[in-house]
C-alpha cells in the first residue's frame, strides 16, 4: 500500500516538474512575443495551455487515487 502511494506521489512530482518547465517555456514565449507574428504567438500559447491542462487533469486523477488509498 505504501509502495503504491510512493509511486503515485513520484508521478505527481514528475508532472509538477513538467508543468514548471512548460511554464518557463511560456515565460520565454512571452518575452519573444513582440518578435513574432501574433498568429504564431497565439498558436504556441494555446499549445502550451493545452499541455498544462492535460497535466493538471492527470495530477487531479492521481490525487483522487491517493485519497482512496
PDB file of N, CA and C in Angstrom:
ATOM      1  N   UNK A   1       0.825  -1.195   0.000  1.00  0.00           N
ATOM      2  CA  UNK A   1       0.000   0.000   0.000  1.00  0.00           C
ATOM      3  C   UNK A   1       0.870   1.261   0.000  1.00  0.00           C
ATOM      4  N   UNK A   2       1.869   1.263   0.888  1.00  0.00           N
ATOM      5  CA  UNK A   2       2.755   2.428   0.950  1.00  0.00           C
ATOM      6  C   UNK A   2       3.553   2.563  -0.339  1.00  0.00           C
ATOM      7  N   UNK A   3       3.888   1.423  -0.926  1.00  0.00           N
ATOM      8  CA  UNK A   3       4.646   1.436  -2.172  1.00  0.00           C
ATOM      9  C   UNK A   3       3.828   2.084  -3.286  1.00  0.00           C
ATOM     10  N   UNK A   4       2.541   1.777  -3.332  1.00  0.00           N
ATOM     11  CA  UNK A   4       1.669   2.354  -4.351  1.00  0.00           C
ATOM     12  C   UNK A   4       1.530   3.864  -4.130  1.00  0.00           C
ATOM     13  N   UNK A   5       1.431   4.261  -2.857  1.00  0.00           N
ATOM     14  CA  UNK A   5       1.349   5.695  -2.534  1.00  0.00           C
ATOM     15  C   UNK A   5       2.605   6.415  -3.006  1.00  0.00           C
ATOM     16  N   UNK A   6       3.748   5.786  -2.758  1.00  0.00           N
ATOM     17  CA  UNK A   6       5.022   6.387  -3.171  1.00  0.00           C
ATOM     18  C   UNK A   6       5.087   6.568  -4.679  1.00  0.00           C
ATOM     19  N   UNK A   7       4.641   5.550  -5.409  1.00  0.00           N
ATOM     20  CA  UNK A   7       4.656   5.630  -6.871  1.00  0.00           C
ATOM     21  C   UNK A   7       3.770   6.768  -7.360  1.00  0.00           C
ATOM     22  N   UNK A   8       2.598   6.892  -6.763  1.00  0.00           N
ATOM     23  CA  UNK A   8       1.678   7.963  -7.161  1.00  0.00           C
ATOM     24  C   UNK A   8       2.283   9.321  -6.827  1.00  0.00           C
ATOM     25  N   UNK A   9       2.874   9.440  -5.644  1.00  0.00           N
ATOM     26  CA  UNK A   9       3.499  10.708  -5.240  1.00  0.00           C
ATOM     27  C   UNK A   9       4.643  11.057  -6.191  1.00  0.00           C
ATOM     28  N   UNK A  10       5.420  10.054  -6.597  1.00  0.00           N
ATOM     29  CA  UNK A  10       6.515  10.287  -7.546  1.00  0.00           C
ATOM     30  C   UNK A  10       5.978  10.768  -8.888  1.00  0.00           C
ATOM     31  N   UNK A  11       4.883  10.155  -9.342  1.00  0.00           N
ATOM     32  CA  UNK A  11       4.277  10.578 -10.605  1.00  0.00           C
ATOM     33  C   UNK A  11       3.804  12.025 -10.519  1.00  0.00           C
ATOM     34  N   UNK A  12       3.180  12.373  -9.391  1.00  0.00           N
ATOM     35  CA  UNK A  12       2.703  13.747  -9.203  1.00  0.00           C
ATOM     36  C   UNK A  12       3.881  14.710  -9.213  1.00  0.00           C
ATOM     37  N   UNK A  13       4.954  14.337  -8.541  1.00  0.00           N
ATOM     38  CA  UNK A  13       6.151  15.181  -8.505  1.00  0.00           C
ATOM     39  C   UNK A  13       6.724  15.381  -9.907  1.00  0.00           C
ATOM     40  N   UNK A  14       6.787  14.301 -10.680  1.00  0.00           N
ATOM     41  CA  UNK A  14       7.288  14.392 -12.057  1.00  0.00           C
ATOM     42  C   UNK A  14       6.406  15.306 -12.900  1.00  0.00           C
ATOM     43  N   UNK A  15       5.093  15.167 -12.742  1.00  0.00           N
ATOM     44  CA  UNK A  15       4.164  16.008 -13.502  1.00  0.00           C
ATOM     45  C   UNK A  15       4.306  17.477 -13.107  1.00  0.00           C
ATOM     46  N   UNK A  16       4.527  17.729 -11.821  1.00  0.00           N
ATOM     47  CA  UNK A  16       4.727  19.109 -11.376  1.00  0.00           C
ATOM     48  C   UNK A  16       6.005  19.705 -11.964  1.00  0.00           C
ATOM     49  N   UNK A  17       7.036  18.878 -12.078  1.00  0.00           N
ATOM     50  CA  UNK A  17       8.277  19.351 -12.691  1.00  0.00           C
ATOM     51  C   UNK A  17       8.056  19.657 -14.166  1.00  0.00           C
ATOM     52  N   UNK A  18       7.305  18.792 -14.830  1.00  0.00           N
ATOM     53  CA  UNK A  18       6.993  19.011 -16.246  1.00  0.00           C
ATOM     54  C   UNK A  18       6.172  20.295 -16.416  1.00  0.00           C
ATOM     55  N   UNK A  19       5.238  20.506 -15.503  1.00  0.00           N
ATOM     56  CA  UNK A  19       4.408  21.714 -15.548  1.00  0.00           C
ATOM     57  C   UNK A  19       5.264  22.968 -15.354  1.00  0.00           C
ATOM     58  N   UNK A  20       6.229  22.893 -14.467  1.00  0.00           N
ATOM     59  CA  UNK A  20       7.123  24.033 -14.241  1.00  0.00           C
ATOM     60  C   UNK A  20       7.945  24.339 -15.492  1.00  0.00           C
ATOM     61  N   UNK A  21       8.395  23.296 -16.182  1.00  0.00           N
ATOM     62  CA  UNK A  21       9.170  23.506 -17.409  1.00  0.00           C
ATOM     63  C   UNK A  21       8.310  24.167 -18.484  1.00  0.00           C
ATOM     64  N   UNK A  22       7.072  23.748 -18.586  1.00  0.00           N
ATOM     65  CA  UNK A  22       6.177  24.347 -19.580  1.00  0.00           C
ATOM     66  C   UNK A  22       5.915  25.806 -19.234  1.00  0.00           C
ATOM     67  N   UNK A  23       5.764  26.100 -17.960  1.00  0.00           N
ATOM     68  CA  UNK A  23       5.566  27.499 -17.548  1.00  0.00           C
ATOM     69  C   UNK A  23       6.775  28.352 -17.914  1.00  0.00           C
ATOM     70  N   UNK A  24       7.972  27.794 -17.744  1.00  0.00           N
ATOM     71  CA  UNK A  24       9.183  28.521 -18.131  1.00  0.00           C
ATOM     72  C   UNK A  24       9.188  28.791 -19.634  1.00  0.00           C
ATOM     73  N   UNK A  25       8.777  27.784 -20.406  1.00  0.00           N
ATOM     74  CA  UNK A  25       8.699  27.959 -21.859  1.00  0.00           C
ATOM     75  C   UNK A  25       7.687  29.048 -22.210  1.00  0.00           C
ATOM     76  N   UNK A  26       6.598  29.101 -21.468  1.00  0.00           N
ATOM     77  CA  UNK A  26       5.589  30.136 -21.712  1.00  0.00           C
ATOM     78  C   UNK A  26       6.135  31.528 -21.378  1.00  0.00           C
ATOM     79  N   UNK A  27       6.942  31.607 -20.324  1.00  0.00           N
ATOM     80  CA  UNK A  27       7.565  32.885 -19.972  1.00  0.00           C
ATOM     81  C   UNK A  27       8.508  33.339 -21.080  1.00  0.00           C
ATOM     82  N   UNK A  28       9.284  32.404 -21.616  1.00  0.00           N
ATOM     83  CA  UNK A  28      10.181  32.726 -22.733  1.00  0.00           C
ATOM     84  C   UNK A  28       9.376  33.186 -23.943  1.00  0.00           C
ATOM     85  N   UNK A  29       8.273  32.512 -24.196  1.00  0.00           N
ATOM     86  CA  UNK A  29       7.397  32.881 -25.302  1.00  0.00           C
ATOM     87  C   UNK A  29       6.879  34.303 -25.107  1.00  0.00           C
ATOM     88  N   UNK A  30       6.519  34.627 -23.878  1.00  0.00           N
ATOM     89  CA  UNK A  30       6.005  35.966 -23.565  1.00  0.00           C
ATOM     90  C   UNK A  30       7.077  37.029 -23.841  1.00  0.00           C
ATOM     91  N   UNK A  31       8.329  36.704 -23.524  1.00  0.00           N
ATOM     92  CA  UNK A  31       9.427  37.642 -23.778  1.00  0.00           C
ATOM     93  C   UNK A  31       9.639  37.872 -25.273  1.00  0.00           C
ATOM     94  N   UNK A  32       9.408  36.817 -26.068  1.00  0.00           N
ATOM     95  CA  UNK A  32       9.627  36.902 -27.513  1.00  0.00           C
ATOM     96  C   UNK A  32       8.374  37.335 -28.269  1.00  0.00           C
ATOM     97  N   UNK A  33       7.330  37.615 -27.553  1.00  0.00           N
ATOM     98  CA  UNK A  33       6.030  37.939 -28.151  1.00  0.00           C
ATOM     99  C   UNK A  33       6.121  39.040 -29.203  1.00  0.00           C
ATOM    100  N   UNK A  34       6.878  40.072 -28.912  1.00  0.00           N
ATOM    101  CA  UNK A  34       6.970  41.222 -29.820  1.00  0.00           C
ATOM    102  C   UNK A  34       7.749  40.904 -31.092  1.00  0.00           C
ATOM    103  N   UNK A  35       8.568  39.860 -31.037  1.00  0.00           N
ATOM    104  CA  UNK A  35       9.408  39.499 -32.180  1.00  0.00           C
ATOM    105  C   UNK A  35       8.706  38.587 -33.185  1.00  0.00           C
ATOM    106  N   UNK A  36       7.545  38.043 -32.816  1.00  0.00           N
ATOM    107  CA  UNK A  36       6.882  37.086 -33.708  1.00  0.00           C
ATOM    108  C   UNK A  36       5.487  37.553 -34.097  1.00  0.00           C
ATOM    109  N   UNK A  37       4.975  36.912 -35.118  1.00  0.00           N
ATOM    110  CA  UNK A  37       3.634  37.244 -35.576  1.00  0.00           C
ATOM    111  C   UNK A  37       2.618  36.844 -34.511  1.00  0.00           C
ATOM    112  N   UNK A  38       1.548  37.618 -34.443  1.00  0.00           N
ATOM    113  CA  UNK A  38       0.524  37.371 -33.431  1.00  0.00           C
ATOM    114  C   UNK A  38      -0.070  35.968 -33.559  1.00  0.00           C
ATOM    115  N   UNK A  39      -0.291  35.520 -34.811  1.00  0.00           N
ATOM    116  CA  UNK A  39      -0.894  34.204 -35.028  1.00  0.00           C
ATOM    117  C   UNK A  39      -0.002  33.090 -34.472  1.00  0.00           C
ATOM    118  N   UNK A  40       1.292  33.218 -34.725  1.00  0.00           N
ATOM    119  CA  UNK A  40       2.231  32.201 -34.243  1.00  0.00           C
ATOM    120  C   UNK A  40       2.271  32.201 -32.719  1.00  0.00           C
ATOM    121  N   UNK A  41       2.297  33.395 -32.131  1.00  0.00           N
ATOM    122  CA  UNK A  41       2.303  33.517 -30.675  1.00  0.00           C
ATOM    123  C   UNK A  41       1.058  32.857 -30.080  1.00  0.00           C
ATOM    124  N   UNK A  42      -0.106  33.175 -30.636  1.00  0.00           N
ATOM    125  CA  UNK A  42      -1.368  32.628 -30.127  1.00  0.00           C
ATOM    126  C   UNK A  42      -1.399  31.105 -30.259  1.00  0.00           C
ATOM    127  N   UNK A  43      -0.887  30.602 -31.370  1.00  0.00           N
ATOM    128  CA  UNK A  43      -0.866  29.156 -31.610  1.00  0.00           C
ATOM    129  C   UNK A  43       0.019  28.451 -30.578  1.00  0.00           C
ATOM    130  N   UNK A  44       1.211  29.004 -30.351  1.00  0.00           N
ATOM    131  CA  UNK A  44       2.126  28.407 -29.379  1.00  0.00           C
ATOM    132  C   UNK A  44       1.573  28.505 -27.957  1.00  0.00           C
ATOM    133  N   UNK A  45       0.984  29.648 -27.646  1.00  0.00           N
ATOM    134  CA  UNK A  45       0.410  29.842 -26.316  1.00  0.00           C
ATOM    135  C   UNK A  45      -0.705  28.826 -26.069  1.00  0.00           C
ATOM    136  N   UNK A  46      -1.562  28.624 -27.060  1.00  0.00           N
ATOM    137  CA  UNK A  46      -2.652  27.653 -26.934  1.00  0.00           C
ATOM    138  C   UNK A  46      -2.104  26.238 -26.753  1.00  0.00           C
ATOM    139  N   UNK A  47      -1.020  25.941 -27.466  1.00  0.00           N
ATOM    140  CA  UNK A  47      -0.389  24.620 -27.366  1.00  0.00           C
ATOM    141  C   UNK A  47       0.106  24.375 -25.938  1.00  0.00           C
ATOM    142  N   UNK A  48       0.790  25.366 -25.365  1.00  0.00           N
ATOM    143  CA  UNK A  48       1.300  25.227 -24.006  1.00  0.00           C
ATOM    144  C   UNK A  48       0.162  25.138 -22.995  1.00  0.00           C
ATOM    145  N   UNK A  49      -0.878  25.933 -23.187  1.00  0.00           N
ATOM    146  CA  UNK A  49      -2.011  25.902 -22.264  1.00  0.00           C
ATOM    147  C   UNK A  49      -2.712  24.545 -22.306  1.00  0.00           C
ATOM    148  N   UNK A  50      -2.788  23.960 -23.488  1.00  0.00           N
ATOM    149  CA  UNK A  50      -3.401  22.639 -23.629  1.00  0.00           C
ATOM    150  C   UNK A  50      -2.572  21.594 -22.880  1.00  0.00           C
ATOM    151  N   UNK A  51      -1.244  21.689 -23.019  1.00  0.00           N
ATOM    152  CA  UNK A  51      -0.363  20.760 -22.306  1.00  0.00           C
ATOM    153  C   UNK A  51      -0.539  20.906 -20.797  1.00  0.00           C
ATOM    154  N   UNK A  52      -0.604  22.165 -20.328  1.00  0.00           N
ATOM    155  CA  UNK A  52      -0.776  22.404 -18.897  1.00  0.00           C
ATOM    156  C   UNK A  52      -2.093  21.824 -18.398  1.00  0.00           C
ATOM    157  N   UNK A  53      -3.144  21.979 -19.162  1.00  0.00           N
ATOM    158  CA  UNK A  53      -4.450  21.453 -18.762  1.00  0.00           C
ATOM    159  C   UNK A  53      -4.423  19.928 -18.671  1.00  0.00           C
ATOM    160  N   UNK A  54      -3.762  19.282 -19.617  1.00  0.00           N
ATOM    161  CA  UNK A  54      -3.649  17.817 -19.579  1.00  0.00           C
ATOM    162  C   UNK A  54      -2.907  17.373 -18.319  1.00  0.00           C
ATOM    163  N   UNK A  55      -1.843  18.086 -17.994  1.00  0.00           N
ATOM    164  CA  UNK A  55      -1.061  17.740 -16.807  1.00  0.00           C
ATOM    165  C   UNK A  55      -1.891  17.964 -15.549  1.00  0.00           C
ATOM    166  N   UNK A  56      -2.616  19.091 -15.487  1.00  0.00           N
ATOM    167  CA  UNK A  56      -3.478  19.355 -14.332  1.00  0.00           C
ATOM    168  C   UNK A  56      -4.480  18.225 -14.126  1.00  0.00           C
ATOM    169  N   UNK A  57      -5.066  17.772 -15.215  1.00  0.00           N
ATOM    170  CA  UNK A  57      -6.063  16.697 -15.142  1.00  0.00           C
ATOM    171  C   UNK A  57      -5.421  15.402 -14.644  1.00  0.00           C
ATOM    172  N   UNK A  58      -4.228  15.086 -15.127  1.00  0.00           N
ATOM    173  CA  UNK A  58      -3.525  13.882 -14.666  1.00  0.00           C
ATOM    174  C   UNK A  58      -3.235  13.972 -13.174  1.00  0.00           C
ATOM    175  N   UNK A  59      -2.803  15.152 -12.724  1.00  0.00           N
ATOM    176  CA  UNK A  59      -2.498  15.343 -11.303  1.00  0.00           C
ATOM    177  C   UNK A  59      -3.765  15.178 -10.470  1.00  0.00           C
ATOM    178  N   UNK A  60      -4.874  15.763 -10.929  1.00  0.00           N
ATOM    179  CA  UNK A  60      -6.144  15.625 -10.207  1.00  0.00           C
ATOM    180  C   UNK A  60      -6.529  14.157 -10.046  1.00  0.00           C
ATOM    181  N   UNK A  61      -6.410  13.397 -11.130  1.00  0.00           N
ATOM    182  CA  UNK A  61      -6.765  11.974 -11.081  1.00  0.00           C
ATOM    183  C   UNK A  61      -5.867  11.219 -10.107  1.00  0.00           C
ATOM    184  N   UNK A  62      -4.576  11.527 -10.142  1.00  0.00           N
ATOM    185  CA  UNK A  62      -3.647  10.855  -9.233  1.00  0.00           C
ATOM    186  C   UNK A  62      -3.930  11.229  -7.778  1.00  0.00           C
ATOM    187  N   UNK A  63      -4.277  12.488  -7.528  1.00  0.00           N
ATOM    188  CA  UNK A  63      -4.596  12.911  -6.162  1.00  0.00           C
ATOM    189  C   UNK A  63      -5.861  12.223  -5.662  1.00  0.00           C
ATOM    190  N   UNK A  64      -6.842  12.051  -6.540  1.00  0.00           N
ATOM    191  CA  UNK A  64      -8.057  11.324  -6.162  1.00  0.00           C
ATOM    192  C   UNK A  64      -7.721   9.875  -5.830  1.00  0.00           C
ATOM    193  N   UNK A  65      -6.846   9.288  -6.622  1.00  0.00           N
ATOM    194  CA  UNK A  65      -6.419   7.913  -6.384  1.00  0.00           C
ATOM    195  C   UNK A  65      -5.709   7.803  -5.034  1.00  0.00           C
ATOM    196  N   UNK A  66      -4.905   8.815  -4.710  1.00  0.00           N
ATOM    197  CA  UNK A  66      -4.199   8.831  -3.421  1.00  0.00           C
ATOM    198  C   UNK A  66      -5.186   8.874  -2.262  1.00  0.00           C
ATOM    199  N   UNK A  67      -6.220   9.681  -2.392  1.00  0.00           N
ATOM    200  CA  UNK A  67      -7.214   9.810  -1.316  1.00  0.00           C
ATOM    201  C   UNK A  67      -7.940   8.495  -1.064  1.00  0.00           C
ATOM    202  N   UNK A  68      -8.096   7.688  -2.106  1.00  0.00           N
ATOM    203  CA  UNK A  68      -8.795   6.407  -1.969  1.00  0.00           C
ATOM    204  C   UNK A  68      -7.967   5.376  -1.208  1.00  0.00           C
ATOM    205  N   UNK A  69      -6.656   5.556  -1.194  1.00  0.00           N
ATOM    206  CA  UNK A  69      -5.778   4.573  -0.530  1.00  0.00           C
ATOM    207  C   UNK A  69      -5.767   4.747   0.973  1.00  0.00           C
TER     208      UNK A  69
END
